[in-house]
Amino acid sequence: MEQHESPTPDNPPEQVGLSFLTLAYSLREQVDQHMLATAGLSLSRTKVLQALADHGQLHQAELAASLGQAPRSVTQIVEGLERLGMVLRTGDPGDRRRKIVALTNAGRTALAAAEQAGMTTLRQYFGSLAPHELATLDALLAHLNTAITDDRTG
């Protein structure tokens, strides 16, 4: 990763990084709270429904892998969504130990409401930036993403 040698004395890179992490956590909480209040879904549950909407029905292990989460964590989320009627779990005809998870119509409706609530929250905060600030932030985030991707693969 390329390092810049001229950080300002008041804001060294590690402090800016910590500020970014704190802000990202706070923003995630705001999105989560707005989605819960509007659609009754947490961000974690919404991500599970999005994966099912994108990929169709999946085995629970495939669902966990697609989300980059531990199978047990996803199982708990799926069980909660099943109780709410948003997903349906059925046995795999070829292997009774495996469960197939599918999105229901109620899940699709809740997902649409949650996504809209999340977008509204993001629009509220990021819409407060001037167009040139938003473009600069977008470029900076792309740069950081490239640096992280390079570190992972290099």
C-alpha atoms as a PDB file:
ATOM      1  CA  MET A   1       0.000   0.000   0.000  1.00  0.00           C
ATOM      2  CA  GLU A   2       1.322   3.443  -0.933  1.00  0.00           C
ATOM      3  CA  GLN A   3       1.984   5.698   2.068  1.00  0.00           C
ATOM      4  CA  HIS A   4       1.866   9.486   1.954  1.00  0.00           C
ATOM      5  CA  GLU A   5       4.583  11.240   3.936  1.00  0.00           C
ATOM      6  CA  SER A   6       2.854  14.535   4.686  1.00  0.00           C
ATOM      7  CA  PRO A   7       0.041  14.040   7.217  1.00  0.00           C
ATOM      8  CA  THR A   8      -0.961  17.110   9.160  1.00  0.00           C
ATOM      9  CA  PRO A   9       0.406  17.072  12.725  1.00  0.00           C
ATOM     10  CA  ASP A  10      -3.075  17.525  14.184  1.00  0.00           C
ATOM     11  CA  ASN A  11      -4.614  14.661  12.214  1.00  0.00           C
ATOM     12  CA  PRO A  12      -2.228  11.748  11.619  1.00  0.00           C
ATOM     13  CA  PRO A  13      -3.501   8.922   9.392  1.00  0.00           C
ATOM     14  CA  GLU A  14      -4.350   6.616  12.310  1.00  0.00           C
ATOM     15  CA  GLN A  15      -6.524   9.302  13.938  1.00  0.00           C
ATOM     16  CA  VAL A  16      -8.340   9.995  10.685  1.00  0.00           C
ATOM     17  CA  GLY A  17      -8.822   6.237  10.317  1.00  0.00           C
ATOM     18  CA  LEU A  18     -10.289   5.954  13.814  1.00  0.00           C
ATOM     19  CA  SER A  19     -12.612   8.874  13.102  1.00  0.00           C
ATOM     20  CA  PHE A  20     -13.721   7.156   9.910  1.00  0.00           C
ATOM     21  CA  LEU A  21     -14.421   3.873  11.731  1.00  0.00           C
ATOM     22  CA  THR A  22     -16.404   5.694  14.424  1.00  0.00           C
ATOM     23  CA  LEU A  23     -18.429   7.552  11.815  1.00  0.00           C
ATOM     24  CA  ALA A  24     -19.053   4.380   9.795  1.00  0.00           C
ATOM     25  CA  TYR A  25     -20.312   2.616  12.916  1.00  0.00           C
ATOM     26  CA  SER A  26     -22.629   5.529  13.774  1.00  0.00           C
ATOM     27  CA  LEU A  27     -23.955   5.677  10.214  1.00  0.00           C
ATOM     28  CA  ARG A  28     -24.609   1.936  10.237  1.00  0.00           C
ATOM     29  CA  GLU A  29     -26.546   2.320  13.501  1.00  0.00           C
ATOM     30  CA  GLN A  30     -28.637   5.129  11.989  1.00  0.00           C
ATOM     31  CA  VAL A  31     -29.460   3.062   8.906  1.00  0.00           C
ATOM     32  CA  ASP A  32     -30.257   0.035  11.093  1.00  0.00           C
ATOM     33  CA  GLN A  33     -32.560   2.040  13.391  1.00  0.00           C
ATOM     34  CA  HIS A  34     -34.405   3.640  10.482  1.00  0.00           C
ATOM     35  CA  MET A  35     -34.885   0.260   8.786  1.00  0.00           C
ATOM     36  CA  LEU A  36     -36.156  -1.257  12.034  1.00  0.00           C
ATOM     37  CA  ALA A  37     -38.574   1.605  12.646  1.00  0.00           C
ATOM     38  CA  THR A  38     -39.852   1.683   9.073  1.00  0.00           C
ATOM     39  CA  ALA A  39     -39.760  -1.930   7.910  1.00  0.00           C
ATOM     40  CA  GLY A  40     -39.179  -3.965  11.065  1.00  0.00           C
ATOM     41  CA  LEU A  41     -35.920  -5.369   9.703  1.00  0.00           C
ATOM     42  CA  SER A  42     -32.372  -4.963  10.942  1.00  0.00           C
ATOM     43  CA  LEU A  43     -29.569  -4.423   8.478  1.00  0.00           C
ATOM     44  CA  SER A  44     -28.375  -8.005   9.099  1.00  0.00           C
ATOM     45  CA  ARG A  45     -31.786  -9.448   8.285  1.00  0.00           C
ATOM     46  CA  THR A  46     -32.055  -7.197   5.257  1.00  0.00           C
ATOM     47  CA  LYS A  47     -28.717  -8.486   3.937  1.00  0.00           C
ATOM     48  CA  VAL A  48     -29.987 -12.077   4.190  1.00  0.00           C
ATOM     49  CA  LEU A  49     -33.154 -11.177   2.277  1.00  0.00           C
ATOM     50  CA  GLN A  50     -31.082  -9.307  -0.337  1.00  0.00           C
ATOM     51  CA  ALA A  51     -28.878 -12.355  -0.880  1.00  0.00           C
ATOM     52  CA  LEU A  52     -31.952 -14.519  -1.421  1.00  0.00           C
ATOM     53  CA  ALA A  53     -33.500 -11.938  -3.750  1.00  0.00           C
ATOM     54  CA  ASP A  54     -30.264 -11.785  -5.759  1.00  0.00           C
ATOM     55  CA  HIS A  55     -29.455 -15.520  -5.898  1.00  0.00           C
ATOM     56  CA  GLY A  56     -32.809 -17.258  -5.482  1.00  0.00           C
ATOM     57  CA  GLN A  57     -33.170 -20.101  -3.038  1.00  0.00           C
ATOM     58  CA  LEU A  58     -29.936 -21.208  -1.388  1.00  0.00           C
ATOM     59  CA  HIS A  59     -28.738 -23.843   1.033  1.00  0.00           C
ATOM     60  CA  GLN A  60     -28.075 -22.261   4.409  1.00  0.00           C
ATOM     61  CA  ALA A  61     -24.335 -22.942   4.048  1.00  0.00           C
ATOM     62  CA  GLU A  62     -24.307 -21.241   0.628  1.00  0.00           C
ATOM     63  CA  LEU A  63     -26.218 -18.309   2.092  1.00  0.00           C
ATOM     64  CA  ALA A  64     -23.675 -17.955   4.902  1.00  0.00           C
ATOM     65  CA  ALA A  65     -20.792 -18.142   2.418  1.00  0.00           C
ATOM     66  CA  SER A  66     -22.364 -15.517   0.152  1.00  0.00           C
ATOM     67  CA  LEU A  67     -22.624 -13.164   3.143  1.00  0.00           C
ATOM     68  CA  GLY A  68     -19.166 -13.966   4.496  1.00  0.00           C
ATOM     69  CA  GLN A  69     -20.676 -14.928   7.849  1.00  0.00           C
ATOM     70  CA  ALA A  70     -20.492 -17.923  10.142  1.00  0.00           C
ATOM     71  CA  PRO A  71     -23.180 -20.538   9.386  1.00  0.00           C
ATOM     72  CA  ARG A  72     -24.515 -20.393  12.971  1.00  0.00           C
ATOM     73  CA  SER A  73     -25.037 -16.620  12.789  1.00  0.00           C
ATOM     74  CA  VAL A  74     -26.953 -16.959   9.536  1.00  0.00           C
ATOM     75  CA  THR A  75     -28.999 -19.849  10.948  1.00  0.00           C
ATOM     76  CA  GLN A  76     -30.170 -17.634  13.798  1.00  0.00           C
ATOM     77  CA  ILE A  77     -31.140 -14.840  11.393  1.00  0.00           C
ATOM     78  CA  VAL A  78     -32.941 -17.295   9.094  1.00  0.00           C
ATOM     79  CA  GLU A  79     -34.860 -18.785  12.036  1.00  0.00           C
ATOM     80  CA  GLY A  80     -36.057 -15.304  13.010  1.00  0.00           C
ATOM     81  CA  LEU A  81     -37.057 -14.477   9.446  1.00  0.00           C
ATOM     82  CA  GLU A  82     -38.878 -17.805   9.174  1.00  0.00           C
ATOM     83  CA  ARG A  83     -40.896 -17.012  12.324  1.00  0.00           C
ATOM     84  CA  LEU A  84     -41.915 -13.732  10.660  1.00  0.00           C
ATOM     85  CA  GLY A  85     -42.951 -15.543   7.463  1.00  0.00           C
ATOM     86  CA  MET A  86     -40.306 -13.791   5.364  1.00  0.00           C
ATOM     87  CA  VAL A  87     -38.404 -16.925   4.364  1.00  0.00           C
ATOM     88  CA  LEU A  88     -39.327 -20.564   3.990  1.00  0.00           C
ATOM     89  CA  ARG A  89     -36.929 -23.369   4.889  1.00  0.00           C
ATOM     90  CA  THR A  90     -37.388 -26.780   3.365  1.00  0.00           C
ATOM     91  CA  GLY A  91     -35.350 -29.950   3.427  1.00  0.00           C
ATOM     92  CA  ASP A  92     -33.104 -30.713   0.504  1.00  0.00           C
ATOM     93  CA  PRO A  93     -34.542 -33.775  -1.271  1.00  0.00           C
ATOM     94  CA  GLY A  94     -31.002 -35.009  -1.968  1.00  0.00           C
ATOM     95  CA  ASP A  95     -29.686 -34.513   1.584  1.00  0.00           C
ATOM     96  CA  ARG A  96     -32.119 -34.271   4.503  1.00  0.00           C
ATOM     97  CA  ARG A  97     -29.478 -32.656   6.719  1.00  0.00           C
ATOM     98  CA  ARG A  98     -29.353 -29.586   4.479  1.00  0.00           C
ATOM     99  CA  LYS A  99     -31.969 -26.848   4.463  1.00  0.00           C
ATOM    100  CA  ILE A 100     -32.921 -24.759   1.466  1.00  0.00           C
ATOM    101  CA  VAL A 101     -33.955 -21.160   2.203  1.00  0.00           C
ATOM    102  CA  ALA A 102     -36.294 -19.233  -0.091  1.00  0.00           C
ATOM    103  CA  LEU A 103     -37.697 -15.726   0.046  1.00  0.00           C
ATOM    104  CA  THR A 104     -41.482 -15.425   0.500  1.00  0.00           C
ATOM    105  CA  ASN A 105     -43.762 -12.681  -0.820  1.00  0.00           C
ATOM    106  CA  ALA A 106     -43.877 -11.193   2.698  1.00  0.00           C
ATOM    107  CA  GLY A 107     -40.075 -11.176   2.664  1.00  0.00           C
ATOM    108  CA  ARG A 108     -39.992  -9.403  -0.692  1.00  0.00           C
ATOM    109  CA  THR A 109     -42.382  -6.746   0.582  1.00  0.00           C
ATOM    110  CA  ALA A 110     -40.391  -6.216   3.791  1.00  0.00           C
ATOM    111  CA  LEU A 111     -37.135  -6.128   1.836  1.00  0.00           C
ATOM    112  CA  ALA A 112     -38.437  -3.391  -0.469  1.00  0.00           C
ATOM    113  CA  ALA A 113     -39.528  -1.304   2.532  1.00  0.00           C
ATOM    114  CA  ALA A 114     -36.201  -1.834   4.321  1.00  0.00           C
ATOM    115  CA  GLU A 115     -34.162  -0.942   1.245  1.00  0.00           C
ATOM    116  CA  GLN A 116     -36.209   2.221   0.766  1.00  0.00           C
ATOM    117  CA  ALA A 117     -35.697   3.177   4.421  1.00  0.00           C
ATOM    118  CA  GLY A 118     -31.963   2.581   4.151  1.00  0.00           C
ATOM    119  CA  MET A 119     -31.696   4.643   0.964  1.00  0.00           C
ATOM    120  CA  THR A 120     -33.671   7.471   2.563  1.00  0.00           C
ATOM    121  CA  THR A 121     -31.274   7.571   5.505  1.00  0.00           C
ATOM    122  CA  LEU A 122     -28.192   7.496   3.290  1.00  0.00           C
ATOM    123  CA  ARG A 123     -29.670  10.196   1.033  1.00  0.00           C
ATOM    124  CA  GLN A 124     -30.314  12.347   4.098  1.00  0.00           C
ATOM    125  CA  TYR A 125     -26.717  12.238   5.324  1.00  0.00           C
ATOM    126  CA  PHE A 126     -24.773  12.081   2.078  1.00  0.00           C
ATOM    127  CA  GLY A 127     -27.194  14.519   0.450  1.00  0.00           C
ATOM    128  CA  SER A 128     -26.011  17.135   2.956  1.00  0.00           C
ATOM    129  CA  LEU A 129     -22.694  17.243   1.085  1.00  0.00           C
ATOM    130  CA  ALA A 130     -22.166  19.616  -1.810  1.00  0.00           C
ATOM    131  CA  PRO A 131     -21.804  17.839  -5.169  1.00  0.00           C
ATOM    132  CA  HIS A 132     -18.039  18.460  -5.287  1.00  0.00           C
ATOM    133  CA  GLU A 133     -17.659  17.145  -1.694  1.00  0.00           C
ATOM    134  CA  LEU A 134     -19.608  14.025  -2.587  1.00  0.00           C
ATOM    135  CA  ALA A 135     -17.418  13.495  -5.666  1.00  0.00           C
ATOM    136  CA  THR A 136     -14.270  13.943  -3.560  1.00  0.00           C
ATOM    137  CA  LEU A 137     -15.530  11.515  -0.911  1.00  0.00           C
ATOM    138  CA  ASP A 138     -16.411   8.993  -3.601  1.00  0.00           C
ATOM    139  CA  ALA A 139     -12.906   9.242  -5.058  1.00  0.00           C
ATOM    140  CA  LEU A 140     -11.284   8.922  -1.626  1.00  0.00           C
ATOM    141  CA  LEU A 141     -13.370   5.863  -0.764  1.00  0.00           C
ATOM    142  CA  ALA A 142     -12.473   4.280  -4.116  1.00  0.00           C
ATOM    143  CA  HIS A 143      -8.789   4.927  -3.391  1.00  0.00           C
ATOM    144  CA  LEU A 144      -9.036   3.330   0.074  1.00  0.00           C
ATOM    145  CA  ASN A 145     -10.949   0.381  -1.362  1.00  0.00           C
ATOM    146  CA  THR A 146      -8.203  -0.166  -3.952  1.00  0.00           C
ATOM    147  CA  ALA A 147      -5.538  -0.042  -1.229  1.00  0.00           C
ATOM    148  CA  ILE A 148      -7.420  -2.603   0.867  1.00  0.00           C
ATOM    149  CA  THR A 149      -8.016  -4.855  -2.143  1.00  0.00           C
ATOM    150  CA  ASP A 150      -4.323  -4.638  -3.094  1.00  0.00           C
ATOM    151  CA  ASP A 151      -3.307  -5.591   0.462  1.00  0.00           C
ATOM    152  CA  ARG A 152      -5.644  -8.604   0.435  1.00  0.00           C
ATOM    153  CA  THR A 153      -4.412  -9.901  -2.897  1.00  0.00           C
ATOM    154  CA  GLY A 154      -0.773  -8.843  -2.689  1.00  0.00           C
END
